[in-house]
Amino acid sequence: QPSLFDMYWIGDSETYGNPDLKNESSIGYSIYASATYAGYKLRAAYYLNKVDELIQWRQYYLNGASWKPFNVGRAEISNYELESQLELIKYLALGAAITFTRACDFSRATDGSPLPTYNKHLVYTPDLKGMIFISLADERRGVSLRYSYTGKQYSTPDNLIDPLPAFDNLDGAAFYKLAFPHYELACDLKLNNLLNKRYDIYAYIPQPGFNWTAGLSASVRY
């Protein structure tokens, strides 16, 4: 069922709920295989989901660009995934993952004829996502570096406007923990978009360049 947020949100001038949303239903299938040998892990998987009345937030243009949820009559989403990880030494690990996605709208009118969006790609669903990382860590401290790639994605249901271009990112992270008899302190640092790339994940909404976040947490044990 659509959430109250989806149906009645009126929190700002750029986002609107849709009280006419229909319930969403789906059926999915998946198959996977995995193997581990001498510190090396490999996993392959395939997923297929068929969704009726898919609820999806989309940009629409009425007195400017706004966001509103809509029902997609029928959609099919399939993913091919491949993951691997290798422990070079006790605390050093390498990993990679790639996902190929096909997400299409197969909606038809009440008379059975295809709608203009039939066999078009769903908006904001990249056709390819990939990642490579390296980490050096134990239970108390660690650093990691991650490179990610996101393929093209469409921003309009009819796919008539060129898709948003693919982009890649390089991110870093570090953490350190201090353990005491009855409590533990942990600090972490994340460095995002190290190469200061300019890219969009939504049409006309540029993402930030290089940015960072830091955190400190404490836990108590009895």
N, C-alpha and C. Protein backbone atom coordinates (compact mmCIF):
# COMPACT_ATOMS: atom_id res chain seq x y z
N GLN A 1 0.84 -1.18 0.00
CA GLN A 1 0.00 0.00 0.00
C GLN A 1 0.88 1.24 0.00
N PRO A 2 0.47 2.31 -0.68
CA PRO A 2 1.26 3.54 -0.64
C PRO A 2 1.29 4.12 0.76
N SER A 3 2.43 4.67 1.12
CA SER A 3 2.57 5.25 2.46
C SER A 3 1.84 6.59 2.54
N LEU A 4 1.60 7.03 3.76
CA LEU A 4 0.99 8.35 3.96
C LEU A 4 1.88 9.44 3.39
N PHE A 5 3.19 9.23 3.46
CA PHE A 5 4.12 10.20 2.88
C PHE A 5 3.89 10.31 1.38
N ASP A 6 3.78 9.15 0.70
CA ASP A 6 3.55 9.17 -0.75
C ASP A 6 2.23 9.84 -1.11
N MET A 7 1.22 9.65 -0.28
CA MET A 7 -0.12 10.12 -0.64
C MET A 7 -0.39 11.57 -0.26
N TYR A 8 0.15 12.02 0.89
CA TYR A 8 -0.31 13.31 1.41
C TYR A 8 0.82 14.30 1.72
N TRP A 9 2.05 14.00 1.32
CA TRP A 9 3.15 14.89 1.66
C TRP A 9 2.97 16.26 0.99
N ILE A 10 2.98 17.31 1.79
CA ILE A 10 2.91 18.68 1.29
C ILE A 10 3.93 19.52 2.05
N GLY A 11 5.12 18.96 2.23
CA GLY A 11 6.10 19.60 3.10
C GLY A 11 6.80 20.79 2.51
N ASP A 12 6.83 20.92 1.19
CA ASP A 12 7.52 22.07 0.59
C ASP A 12 6.91 22.33 -0.78
N SER A 13 7.46 23.32 -1.48
CA SER A 13 6.90 23.74 -2.76
C SER A 13 7.37 22.90 -3.92
N GLU A 14 8.28 21.95 -3.69
CA GLU A 14 8.85 21.16 -4.78
C GLU A 14 8.47 19.69 -4.71
N THR A 15 7.72 19.28 -3.69
CA THR A 15 7.37 17.88 -3.50
C THR A 15 5.90 17.79 -3.12
N TYR A 16 5.17 16.93 -3.82
CA TYR A 16 3.74 16.80 -3.58
C TYR A 16 3.36 15.32 -3.49
N GLY A 17 2.44 15.01 -2.58
CA GLY A 17 1.91 13.67 -2.51
C GLY A 17 0.85 13.43 -3.57
N ASN A 18 0.42 12.18 -3.69
CA ASN A 18 -0.59 11.82 -4.68
C ASN A 18 -1.62 10.91 -4.01
N PRO A 19 -2.78 11.46 -3.61
CA PRO A 19 -3.79 10.65 -2.90
C PRO A 19 -4.45 9.62 -3.79
N ASP A 20 -4.23 9.66 -5.11
CA ASP A 20 -4.86 8.73 -6.03
C ASP A 20 -4.00 7.51 -6.33
N LEU A 21 -2.92 7.31 -5.58
CA LEU A 21 -2.05 6.17 -5.82
C LEU A 21 -2.79 4.84 -5.58
N LYS A 22 -2.48 3.86 -6.42
CA LYS A 22 -3.03 2.52 -6.27
C LYS A 22 -2.04 1.63 -5.53
N ASN A 23 -2.55 0.52 -4.99
CA ASN A 23 -1.66 -0.42 -4.32
C ASN A 23 -0.72 -1.08 -5.33
N GLU A 24 0.49 -1.35 -4.88
CA GLU A 24 1.51 -1.99 -5.70
C GLU A 24 1.59 -3.48 -5.34
N SER A 25 1.75 -4.33 -6.33
CA SER A 25 1.95 -5.76 -6.07
C SER A 25 3.04 -6.27 -7.00
N SER A 26 3.74 -7.32 -6.56
CA SER A 26 4.85 -7.82 -7.37
C SER A 26 5.09 -9.30 -7.08
N ILE A 27 5.79 -9.93 -8.01
CA ILE A 27 6.26 -11.28 -7.82
C ILE A 27 7.69 -11.33 -8.34
N GLY A 28 8.56 -12.01 -7.61
CA GLY A 28 9.96 -12.00 -7.98
C GLY A 28 10.57 -13.39 -7.96
N TYR A 29 11.63 -13.55 -8.74
CA TYR A 29 12.38 -14.80 -8.81
C TYR A 29 13.86 -14.47 -8.68
N SER A 30 14.61 -15.38 -8.12
CA SER A 30 16.06 -15.17 -8.02
C SER A 30 16.78 -16.52 -7.99
N ILE A 31 18.00 -16.50 -8.48
CA ILE A 31 18.85 -17.67 -8.44
C ILE A 31 20.27 -17.18 -8.24
N TYR A 32 21.03 -17.88 -7.40
CA TYR A 32 22.40 -17.44 -7.15
C TYR A 32 23.28 -18.64 -6.87
N ALA A 33 24.57 -18.42 -7.00
CA ALA A 33 25.58 -19.43 -6.67
C ALA A 33 26.78 -18.72 -6.07
N SER A 34 27.42 -19.35 -5.10
CA SER A 34 28.58 -18.75 -4.46
C SER A 34 29.63 -19.82 -4.17
N ALA A 35 30.88 -19.36 -4.09
CA ALA A 35 31.99 -20.27 -3.82
C ALA A 35 33.05 -19.53 -3.01
N THR A 36 33.72 -20.25 -2.14
CA THR A 36 34.80 -19.71 -1.32
C THR A 36 35.97 -20.67 -1.34
N TYR A 37 37.16 -20.10 -1.57
CA TYR A 37 38.35 -20.95 -1.60
C TYR A 37 39.57 -20.13 -1.20
N ALA A 38 40.22 -20.53 -0.12
CA ALA A 38 41.51 -19.96 0.31
C ALA A 38 41.48 -18.44 0.35
N GLY A 39 40.47 -17.88 0.99
CA GLY A 39 40.39 -16.43 1.12
C GLY A 39 39.75 -15.71 -0.05
N TYR A 40 39.33 -16.46 -1.07
CA TYR A 40 38.70 -15.85 -2.24
C TYR A 40 37.21 -16.20 -2.25
N LYS A 41 36.36 -15.19 -2.44
CA LYS A 41 34.92 -15.40 -2.46
C LYS A 41 34.36 -14.91 -3.79
N LEU A 42 33.43 -15.68 -4.35
CA LEU A 42 32.80 -15.32 -5.61
C LEU A 42 31.31 -15.62 -5.51
N ARG A 43 30.49 -14.69 -5.97
CA ARG A 43 29.04 -14.88 -5.92
C ARG A 43 28.43 -14.31 -7.19
N ALA A 44 27.53 -15.06 -7.80
CA ALA A 44 26.80 -14.63 -8.99
C ALA A 44 25.31 -14.79 -8.70
N ALA A 45 24.50 -13.84 -9.19
CA ALA A 45 23.07 -13.90 -8.92
C ALA A 45 22.28 -13.28 -10.07
N TYR A 46 21.03 -13.75 -10.20
CA TYR A 46 20.10 -13.18 -11.17
C TYR A 46 18.77 -12.94 -10.46
N TYR A 47 18.19 -11.76 -10.68
CA TYR A 47 16.92 -11.40 -10.05
C TYR A 47 15.95 -10.92 -11.14
N LEU A 48 14.70 -11.31 -11.02
CA LEU A 48 13.65 -10.83 -11.92
C LEU A 48 12.43 -10.47 -11.09
N ASN A 49 11.94 -9.25 -11.25
CA ASN A 49 10.75 -8.79 -10.54
C ASN A 49 9.74 -8.25 -11.55
N LYS A 50 8.49 -8.72 -11.42
CA LYS A 50 7.39 -8.20 -12.23
C LYS A 50 6.45 -7.46 -11.29
N VAL A 51 6.25 -6.18 -11.56
CA VAL A 51 5.53 -5.31 -10.64
C VAL A 51 4.32 -4.70 -11.33
N ASP A 52 3.17 -4.80 -10.68
CA ASP A 52 1.96 -4.13 -11.14
C ASP A 52 1.74 -2.87 -10.31
N GLU A 53 1.45 -1.78 -10.98
CA GLU A 53 1.21 -0.48 -10.34
C GLU A 53 2.42 -0.05 -9.49
N LEU A 54 3.60 -0.20 -10.06
CA LEU A 54 4.82 0.25 -9.39
C LEU A 54 4.70 1.71 -8.97
N ILE A 55 4.98 2.00 -7.71
CA ILE A 55 4.97 3.38 -7.21
C ILE A 55 6.37 3.96 -7.38
N GLN A 56 6.47 5.04 -8.13
CA GLN A 56 7.77 5.63 -8.41
C GLN A 56 7.67 7.15 -8.36
N TRP A 57 8.61 7.77 -7.64
CA TRP A 57 8.69 9.22 -7.59
C TRP A 57 9.33 9.72 -8.88
N ARG A 58 8.72 10.72 -9.49
CA ARG A 58 9.23 11.27 -10.73
C ARG A 58 9.17 12.79 -10.71
N GLN A 59 10.06 13.39 -11.49
CA GLN A 59 9.99 14.83 -11.70
C GLN A 59 8.89 15.12 -12.72
N TYR A 60 8.12 16.16 -12.45
CA TYR A 60 7.18 16.64 -13.45
C TYR A 60 7.25 18.16 -13.44
N TYR A 61 6.82 18.75 -14.53
CA TYR A 61 7.07 20.18 -14.74
C TYR A 61 5.74 20.91 -14.86
N LEU A 62 5.33 21.49 -13.74
CA LEU A 62 4.13 22.30 -13.67
C LEU A 62 4.46 23.48 -12.76
N ASN A 63 4.58 24.64 -13.33
CA ASN A 63 5.07 25.81 -12.59
C ASN A 63 6.46 25.54 -12.03
N GLY A 64 7.31 24.95 -12.87
CA GLY A 64 8.66 24.62 -12.43
C GLY A 64 8.80 23.12 -12.19
N ALA A 65 10.02 22.70 -11.85
CA ALA A 65 10.28 21.27 -11.62
C ALA A 65 9.82 20.87 -10.23
N SER A 66 9.05 19.80 -10.15
CA SER A 66 8.56 19.29 -8.87
C SER A 66 8.67 17.78 -8.87
N TRP A 67 8.49 17.19 -7.68
CA TRP A 67 8.53 15.73 -7.53
C TRP A 67 7.16 15.25 -7.05
N LYS A 68 6.73 14.12 -7.63
CA LYS A 68 5.44 13.56 -7.27
C LYS A 68 5.45 12.07 -7.57
N PRO A 69 4.84 11.23 -6.71
CA PRO A 69 4.80 9.78 -6.99
C PRO A 69 3.67 9.43 -7.96
N PHE A 70 3.96 8.47 -8.85
CA PHE A 70 2.98 7.99 -9.81
C PHE A 70 3.00 6.47 -9.84
N ASN A 71 1.90 5.89 -10.34
CA ASN A 71 1.86 4.44 -10.58
C ASN A 71 2.30 4.14 -12.00
N VAL A 72 3.23 3.19 -12.13
CA VAL A 72 3.57 2.63 -13.43
C VAL A 72 2.71 1.39 -13.60
N GLY A 73 1.97 1.30 -14.69
CA GLY A 73 1.00 0.21 -14.84
C GLY A 73 1.62 -1.16 -14.63
N ARG A 74 2.70 -1.46 -15.36
CA ARG A 74 3.39 -2.74 -15.19
C ARG A 74 4.85 -2.54 -15.54
N ALA A 75 5.72 -3.06 -14.70
CA ALA A 75 7.16 -2.91 -14.92
C ALA A 75 7.85 -4.25 -14.68
N GLU A 76 8.95 -4.45 -15.38
CA GLU A 76 9.79 -5.63 -15.18
C GLU A 76 11.21 -5.16 -14.95
N ILE A 77 11.81 -5.69 -13.88
CA ILE A 77 13.16 -5.29 -13.51
C ILE A 77 14.00 -6.55 -13.35
N SER A 78 15.09 -6.63 -14.08
CA SER A 78 15.99 -7.78 -13.97
C SER A 78 17.39 -7.30 -13.67
N ASN A 79 18.10 -8.05 -12.85
CA ASN A 79 19.47 -7.72 -12.47
C ASN A 79 20.37 -8.94 -12.60
N TYR A 80 21.53 -8.73 -13.18
CA TYR A 80 22.61 -9.73 -13.18
C TYR A 80 23.72 -9.16 -12.30
N GLU A 81 24.11 -9.89 -11.27
CA GLU A 81 25.09 -9.40 -10.31
C GLU A 81 26.26 -10.36 -10.19
N LEU A 82 27.44 -9.78 -10.03
CA LEU A 82 28.65 -10.57 -9.83
C LEU A 82 29.50 -9.87 -8.78
N GLU A 83 29.87 -10.59 -7.73
CA GLU A 83 30.67 -10.03 -6.64
C GLU A 83 31.87 -10.94 -6.38
N SER A 84 32.98 -10.33 -6.00
CA SER A 84 34.16 -11.10 -5.63
C SER A 84 34.94 -10.36 -4.55
N GLN A 85 35.65 -11.12 -3.72
CA GLN A 85 36.48 -10.54 -2.68
C GLN A 85 37.69 -11.44 -2.43
N LEU A 86 38.83 -10.82 -2.23
CA LEU A 86 40.07 -11.55 -2.03
C LEU A 86 40.80 -10.98 -0.83
N GLU A 87 41.11 -11.84 0.15
CA GLU A 87 41.91 -11.44 1.30
C GLU A 87 43.37 -11.75 0.98
N LEU A 88 44.15 -10.68 0.70
CA LEU A 88 45.54 -10.87 0.32
C LEU A 88 46.39 -11.33 1.51
N ILE A 89 46.23 -10.62 2.61
CA ILE A 89 46.86 -11.01 3.87
C ILE A 89 45.79 -10.88 4.94
N LYS A 90 46.16 -11.05 6.19
CA LYS A 90 45.17 -11.13 7.25
C LYS A 90 44.26 -9.91 7.31
N TYR A 91 44.80 -8.70 7.12
CA TYR A 91 44.00 -7.50 7.29
C TYR A 91 43.79 -6.72 5.99
N LEU A 92 44.27 -7.22 4.88
CA LEU A 92 44.16 -6.52 3.60
C LEU A 92 43.21 -7.26 2.68
N ALA A 93 42.22 -6.55 2.15
CA ALA A 93 41.21 -7.17 1.30
C ALA A 93 40.97 -6.33 0.05
N LEU A 94 40.71 -7.02 -1.05
CA LEU A 94 40.30 -6.40 -2.30
C LEU A 94 38.93 -6.94 -2.67
N GLY A 95 38.12 -6.10 -3.30
CA GLY A 95 36.80 -6.56 -3.69
C GLY A 95 36.29 -5.82 -4.91
N ALA A 96 35.33 -6.43 -5.59
CA ALA A 96 34.73 -5.81 -6.76
C ALA A 96 33.32 -6.34 -6.93
N ALA A 97 32.47 -5.55 -7.56
CA ALA A 97 31.09 -5.97 -7.82
C ALA A 97 30.59 -5.24 -9.06
N ILE A 98 29.72 -5.90 -9.81
CA ILE A 98 29.13 -5.27 -10.99
C ILE A 98 27.69 -5.76 -11.11
N THR A 99 26.80 -4.85 -11.51
CA THR A 99 25.39 -5.17 -11.66
C THR A 99 24.89 -4.61 -12.99
N PHE A 100 24.29 -5.48 -13.80
CA PHE A 100 23.65 -5.06 -15.04
C PHE A 100 22.14 -5.07 -14.80
N THR A 101 21.48 -3.99 -15.14
CA THR A 101 20.05 -3.85 -14.85
C THR A 101 19.28 -3.53 -16.12
N ARG A 102 18.15 -4.19 -16.26
CA ARG A 102 17.17 -3.81 -17.30
C ARG A 102 15.84 -3.59 -16.60
N ALA A 103 15.39 -2.35 -16.60
CA ALA A 103 14.14 -1.97 -15.94
C ALA A 103 13.26 -1.25 -16.95
N CYS A 104 12.17 -1.89 -17.34
CA CYS A 104 11.35 -1.36 -18.42
C CYS A 104 9.88 -1.27 -18.01
N ASP A 105 9.20 -0.33 -18.65
CA ASP A 105 7.77 -0.11 -18.46
C ASP A 105 7.02 -0.88 -19.55
N PHE A 106 6.14 -1.81 -19.14
CA PHE A 106 5.35 -2.58 -20.10
C PHE A 106 3.86 -2.30 -19.90
N SER A 107 3.53 -1.05 -19.65
CA SER A 107 2.15 -0.68 -19.38
C SER A 107 1.33 -0.67 -20.67
N ARG A 108 0.07 -1.07 -20.53
CA ARG A 108 -0.88 -1.05 -21.65
C ARG A 108 -2.15 -0.31 -21.24
N ALA A 109 -2.86 0.19 -22.22
CA ALA A 109 -4.14 0.83 -21.98
C ALA A 109 -5.20 -0.23 -21.67
N THR A 110 -6.38 0.23 -21.28
CA THR A 110 -7.45 -0.71 -20.91
C THR A 110 -7.87 -1.59 -22.08
N ASP A 111 -7.68 -1.13 -23.32
CA ASP A 111 -8.03 -1.94 -24.48
C ASP A 111 -6.90 -2.87 -24.91
N GLY A 112 -5.81 -2.89 -24.15
CA GLY A 112 -4.69 -3.78 -24.45
C GLY A 112 -3.61 -3.20 -25.33
N SER A 113 -3.83 -2.01 -25.85
CA SER A 113 -2.82 -1.40 -26.72
C SER A 113 -1.67 -0.84 -25.89
N PRO A 114 -0.44 -0.88 -26.41
CA PRO A 114 0.72 -0.37 -25.66
C PRO A 114 0.62 1.15 -25.46
N LEU A 115 1.02 1.59 -24.27
CA LEU A 115 1.09 3.02 -24.01
C LEU A 115 2.35 3.59 -24.64
N PRO A 116 2.45 4.93 -24.78
CA PRO A 116 3.65 5.54 -25.36
C PRO A 116 4.94 5.18 -24.62
N THR A 117 4.83 4.80 -23.35
CA THR A 117 6.02 4.44 -22.57
C THR A 117 6.34 2.95 -22.63
N TYR A 118 5.60 2.20 -23.45
CA TYR A 118 5.80 0.74 -23.51
C TYR A 118 7.22 0.41 -23.98
N ASN A 119 7.86 -0.49 -23.24
CA ASN A 119 9.22 -0.95 -23.53
C ASN A 119 10.26 0.17 -23.42
N LYS A 120 9.93 1.21 -22.66
CA LYS A 120 10.89 2.27 -22.37
C LYS A 120 11.53 2.01 -21.00
N HIS A 121 12.74 2.52 -20.83
CA HIS A 121 13.45 2.32 -19.57
C HIS A 121 12.82 3.15 -18.45
N LEU A 122 12.73 2.57 -17.26
CA LEU A 122 12.25 3.33 -16.10
C LEU A 122 13.23 4.44 -15.77
N VAL A 123 12.68 5.55 -15.30
CA VAL A 123 13.53 6.69 -15.00
C VAL A 123 14.41 6.40 -13.78
N TYR A 124 15.58 7.04 -13.77
CA TYR A 124 16.52 7.00 -12.65
C TYR A 124 16.87 5.58 -12.21
N THR A 125 17.04 4.70 -13.18
CA THR A 125 17.46 3.33 -12.92
C THR A 125 18.67 3.04 -13.81
N PRO A 126 19.89 3.14 -13.28
CA PRO A 126 21.09 2.97 -14.11
C PRO A 126 21.14 1.58 -14.73
N ASP A 127 21.66 1.51 -15.97
CA ASP A 127 21.78 0.22 -16.63
C ASP A 127 22.99 -0.56 -16.15
N LEU A 128 23.92 0.11 -15.48
CA LEU A 128 25.15 -0.55 -15.02
C LEU A 128 25.66 0.14 -13.78
N LYS A 129 26.05 -0.66 -12.80
CA LYS A 129 26.73 -0.14 -11.61
C LYS A 129 27.90 -1.06 -11.28
N GLY A 130 29.05 -0.46 -11.00
CA GLY A 130 30.22 -1.24 -10.68
C GLY A 130 31.00 -0.62 -9.54
N MET A 131 31.83 -1.42 -8.86
CA MET A 131 32.55 -0.95 -7.70
C MET A 131 33.82 -1.78 -7.51
N ILE A 132 34.89 -1.11 -7.11
CA ILE A 132 36.14 -1.76 -6.72
C ILE A 132 36.60 -1.12 -5.41
N PHE A 133 37.04 -1.93 -4.45
CA PHE A 133 37.50 -1.35 -3.19
C PHE A 133 38.73 -2.09 -2.69
N ILE A 134 39.47 -1.40 -1.85
CA ILE A 134 40.59 -1.98 -1.12
C ILE A 134 40.50 -1.49 0.31
N SER A 135 40.71 -2.39 1.26
CA SER A 135 40.62 -2.00 2.67
C SER A 135 41.74 -2.66 3.47
N LEU A 136 42.21 -1.93 4.45
CA LEU A 136 43.20 -2.43 5.40
C LEU A 136 42.63 -2.16 6.78
N ALA A 137 42.21 -3.22 7.47
CA ALA A 137 41.47 -3.01 8.71
C ALA A 137 41.53 -4.22 9.60
N ASP A 138 41.41 -3.96 10.91
CA ASP A 138 41.16 -5.00 11.90
C ASP A 138 39.98 -4.54 12.73
N GLU A 139 39.78 -5.12 13.90
CA GLU A 139 38.61 -4.77 14.71
C GLU A 139 38.71 -3.37 15.30
N ARG A 140 39.92 -2.81 15.43
CA ARG A 140 40.09 -1.52 16.11
C ARG A 140 40.28 -0.35 15.16
N ARG A 141 40.87 -0.56 14.01
CA ARG A 141 41.20 0.55 13.13
C ARG A 141 41.17 0.07 11.69
N GLY A 142 41.01 1.04 10.78
CA GLY A 142 41.01 0.64 9.38
C GLY A 142 40.89 1.83 8.45
N VAL A 143 41.33 1.63 7.22
CA VAL A 143 41.19 2.61 6.14
C VAL A 143 40.72 1.87 4.89
N SER A 144 40.01 2.58 4.02
CA SER A 144 39.53 1.95 2.80
C SER A 144 39.43 3.00 1.70
N LEU A 145 39.49 2.51 0.47
CA LEU A 145 39.36 3.34 -0.72
C LEU A 145 38.39 2.61 -1.66
N ARG A 146 37.44 3.37 -2.23
CA ARG A 146 36.40 2.75 -3.04
C ARG A 146 36.19 3.55 -4.32
N TYR A 147 36.22 2.87 -5.45
CA TYR A 147 35.92 3.48 -6.74
C TYR A 147 34.60 2.91 -7.24
N SER A 148 33.68 3.77 -7.65
CA SER A 148 32.38 3.32 -8.12
C SER A 148 32.06 3.95 -9.47
N TYR A 149 31.28 3.21 -10.25
CA TYR A 149 30.87 3.67 -11.58
C TYR A 149 29.37 3.47 -11.71
N THR A 150 28.67 4.49 -12.19
CA THR A 150 27.22 4.43 -12.40
C THR A 150 26.94 4.76 -13.86
N GLY A 151 26.26 3.85 -14.55
CA GLY A 151 25.97 4.04 -15.98
C GLY A 151 24.88 5.05 -16.23
N LYS A 152 24.54 5.20 -17.49
CA LYS A 152 23.54 6.19 -17.90
C LYS A 152 22.17 5.83 -17.34
N GLN A 153 21.33 6.85 -17.19
CA GLN A 153 19.97 6.64 -16.72
C GLN A 153 19.07 7.73 -17.30
N TYR A 154 17.85 7.33 -17.64
CA TYR A 154 16.91 8.28 -18.24
C TYR A 154 16.19 9.07 -17.16
N SER A 155 15.76 10.27 -17.53
CA SER A 155 15.06 11.14 -16.59
C SER A 155 13.62 11.42 -17.01
N THR A 156 13.20 10.93 -18.18
CA THR A 156 11.82 11.10 -18.63
C THR A 156 11.23 9.74 -19.00
N PRO A 157 9.95 9.49 -18.70
CA PRO A 157 9.34 8.18 -18.96
C PRO A 157 9.35 7.78 -20.43
N ASP A 158 9.28 8.75 -21.36
CA ASP A 158 9.25 8.41 -22.78
C ASP A 158 10.65 8.23 -23.37
N ASN A 159 11.69 8.48 -22.58
CA ASN A 159 13.09 8.31 -23.01
C ASN A 159 13.45 9.18 -24.22
N LEU A 160 12.69 10.25 -24.49
CA LEU A 160 12.96 11.08 -25.66
C LEU A 160 14.12 12.04 -25.42
N ILE A 161 14.38 12.38 -24.18
CA ILE A 161 15.52 13.23 -23.85
C ILE A 161 16.72 12.33 -23.59
N ASP A 162 17.89 12.74 -24.05
CA ASP A 162 19.09 11.93 -23.85
C ASP A 162 19.28 11.59 -22.38
N PRO A 163 19.74 10.38 -22.09
CA PRO A 163 19.93 10.00 -20.67
C PRO A 163 21.01 10.82 -20.00
N LEU A 164 20.95 10.87 -18.68
CA LEU A 164 22.02 11.50 -17.92
C LEU A 164 23.31 10.72 -18.15
N PRO A 165 24.42 11.39 -18.33
CA PRO A 165 25.66 10.66 -18.63
C PRO A 165 26.13 9.83 -17.44
N ALA A 166 26.89 8.79 -17.75
CA ALA A 166 27.49 7.96 -16.70
C ALA A 166 28.50 8.80 -15.91
N PHE A 167 28.78 8.36 -14.68
CA PHE A 167 29.76 9.06 -13.86
C PHE A 167 30.48 8.07 -12.96
N ASP A 168 31.62 8.48 -12.46
CA ASP A 168 32.37 7.64 -11.52
C ASP A 168 32.81 8.48 -10.33
N ASN A 169 33.11 7.80 -9.24
CA ASN A 169 33.46 8.47 -7.99
C ASN A 169 34.57 7.71 -7.28
N LEU A 170 35.37 8.45 -6.54
CA LEU A 170 36.39 7.86 -5.69
C LEU A 170 36.17 8.37 -4.27
N ASP A 171 35.96 7.44 -3.32
CA ASP A 171 35.67 7.80 -1.93
C ASP A 171 36.64 7.09 -1.00
N GLY A 172 36.92 7.73 0.12
CA GLY A 172 37.79 7.14 1.13
C GLY A 172 37.12 7.14 2.49
N ALA A 173 37.59 6.28 3.38
CA ALA A 173 37.02 6.20 4.73
C ALA A 173 38.07 5.68 5.70
N ALA A 174 37.92 6.05 6.97
CA ALA A 174 38.81 5.56 8.02
C ALA A 174 38.02 5.51 9.33
N PHE A 175 38.42 4.58 10.23
CA PHE A 175 37.78 4.51 11.55
C PHE A 175 38.83 4.08 12.58
N TYR A 176 38.52 4.41 13.84
CA TYR A 176 39.40 4.03 14.95
C TYR A 176 38.54 3.85 16.20
N LYS A 177 38.81 2.78 16.96
CA LYS A 177 38.04 2.49 18.16
C LYS A 177 38.97 2.42 19.37
N LEU A 178 38.49 2.98 20.47
CA LEU A 178 39.19 2.89 21.75
C LEU A 178 38.32 2.10 22.72
N ALA A 179 38.85 1.00 23.21
CA ALA A 179 38.08 0.14 24.10
C ALA A 179 38.56 0.29 25.55
N PHE A 180 37.61 0.45 26.47
CA PHE A 180 37.87 0.55 27.89
C PHE A 180 37.06 -0.53 28.61
N PRO A 181 37.29 -0.75 29.90
CA PRO A 181 36.59 -1.85 30.58
C PRO A 181 35.08 -1.83 30.44
N HIS A 182 34.47 -0.63 30.49
CA HIS A 182 33.00 -0.59 30.48
C HIS A 182 32.43 0.28 29.37
N TYR A 183 33.25 0.82 28.52
CA TYR A 183 32.70 1.61 27.42
C TYR A 183 33.69 1.63 26.27
N GLU A 184 33.20 2.08 25.11
CA GLU A 184 34.00 2.10 23.90
C GLU A 184 33.73 3.39 23.14
N LEU A 185 34.77 4.01 22.64
CA LEU A 185 34.66 5.19 21.80
C LEU A 185 35.06 4.83 20.38
N ALA A 186 34.33 5.36 19.42
CA ALA A 186 34.63 5.09 18.02
C ALA A 186 34.52 6.38 17.22
N CYS A 187 35.49 6.65 16.38
CA CYS A 187 35.43 7.81 15.51
C CYS A 187 35.61 7.34 14.07
N ASP A 188 34.98 8.05 13.16
CA ASP A 188 35.09 7.68 11.75
C ASP A 188 35.15 8.94 10.90
N LEU A 189 35.76 8.80 9.75
CA LEU A 189 35.92 9.90 8.81
C LEU A 189 35.62 9.37 7.41
N LYS A 190 34.78 10.09 6.67
CA LYS A 190 34.46 9.72 5.29
C LYS A 190 34.81 10.88 4.37
N LEU A 191 35.57 10.59 3.33
CA LEU A 191 35.97 11.57 2.33
C LEU A 191 35.29 11.19 1.02
N ASN A 192 34.35 12.02 0.59
CA ASN A 192 33.52 11.70 -0.57
C ASN A 192 33.92 12.52 -1.79
N ASN A 193 33.86 11.89 -2.95
CA ASN A 193 34.17 12.55 -4.21
C ASN A 193 35.57 13.18 -4.17
N LEU A 194 36.55 12.35 -3.91
CA LEU A 194 37.92 12.84 -3.76
C LEU A 194 38.43 13.56 -5.00
N LEU A 195 37.97 13.18 -6.16
CA LEU A 195 38.44 13.79 -7.41
C LEU A 195 37.61 15.01 -7.80
N ASN A 196 36.66 15.39 -6.95
CA ASN A 196 35.86 16.61 -7.14
C ASN A 196 35.13 16.59 -8.50
N LYS A 197 34.53 15.44 -8.84
CA LYS A 197 33.81 15.31 -10.10
C LYS A 197 32.47 16.04 -10.04
N ARG A 198 32.02 16.50 -11.19
CA ARG A 198 30.68 17.10 -11.31
C ARG A 198 29.78 16.09 -12.02
N TYR A 199 28.62 15.81 -11.42
CA TYR A 199 27.72 14.82 -12.00
C TYR A 199 26.31 15.04 -11.45
N ASP A 200 25.33 14.46 -12.13
CA ASP A 200 23.92 14.52 -11.72
C ASP A 200 23.41 13.10 -11.55
N ILE A 201 22.66 12.87 -10.49
CA ILE A 201 21.91 11.63 -10.37
C ILE A 201 20.43 11.88 -10.64
N TYR A 202 20.00 13.14 -10.64
CA TYR A 202 18.68 13.57 -11.06
C TYR A 202 18.84 14.75 -11.99
N ALA A 203 17.93 14.90 -12.93
CA ALA A 203 18.04 15.97 -13.91
C ALA A 203 18.05 17.34 -13.23
N TYR A 204 19.02 18.15 -13.61
CA TYR A 204 19.12 19.54 -13.17
C TYR A 204 19.38 19.69 -11.67
N ILE A 205 19.88 18.64 -11.03
CA ILE A 205 20.21 18.71 -9.60
C ILE A 205 21.66 18.27 -9.45
N PRO A 206 22.62 19.18 -9.54
CA PRO A 206 24.03 18.79 -9.44
C PRO A 206 24.36 18.29 -8.04
N GLN A 207 25.23 17.29 -7.99
CA GLN A 207 25.67 16.73 -6.72
C GLN A 207 26.90 17.49 -6.22
N PRO A 208 27.15 17.44 -4.92
CA PRO A 208 28.28 18.21 -4.37
C PRO A 208 29.62 17.67 -4.84
N GLY A 209 30.62 18.56 -4.88
CA GLY A 209 31.98 18.15 -5.18
C GLY A 209 32.59 17.45 -3.98
N PHE A 210 33.88 17.63 -3.78
CA PHE A 210 34.53 16.98 -2.64
C PHE A 210 33.85 17.42 -1.34
N ASN A 211 33.53 16.45 -0.48
CA ASN A 211 32.93 16.75 0.83
C ASN A 211 33.33 15.66 1.81
N TRP A 212 33.17 15.94 3.08
CA TRP A 212 33.58 14.98 4.09
C TRP A 212 32.62 15.02 5.27
N THR A 213 32.58 13.91 5.99
CA THR A 213 31.80 13.83 7.23
C THR A 213 32.64 13.12 8.28
N ALA A 214 32.44 13.51 9.53
CA ALA A 214 33.15 12.89 10.64
C ALA A 214 32.14 12.55 11.72
N GLY A 215 32.39 11.46 12.44
CA GLY A 215 31.47 11.06 13.49
C GLY A 215 32.19 10.52 14.71
N LEU A 216 31.53 10.66 15.84
CA LEU A 216 32.07 10.14 17.11
C LEU A 216 30.92 9.49 17.86
N SER A 217 31.12 8.25 18.31
CA SER A 217 30.07 7.55 19.04
C SER A 217 30.67 6.88 20.27
N ALA A 218 29.80 6.66 21.26
CA ALA A 218 30.22 6.01 22.51
C ALA A 218 29.19 4.94 22.86
N SER A 219 29.68 3.81 23.36
CA SER A 219 28.80 2.73 23.79
C SER A 219 29.26 2.27 25.18
N VAL A 220 28.29 1.87 25.99
CA VAL A 220 28.56 1.46 27.36
C VAL A 220 28.21 0.00 27.52
N ARG A 221 29.06 -0.75 28.22
CA ARG A 221 28.82 -2.16 28.48
C ARG A 221 28.73 -2.38 29.99
N TYR A 222 27.86 -3.29 30.40
CA TYR A 222 27.71 -3.64 31.81
C TYR A 222 28.02 -5.11 32.02
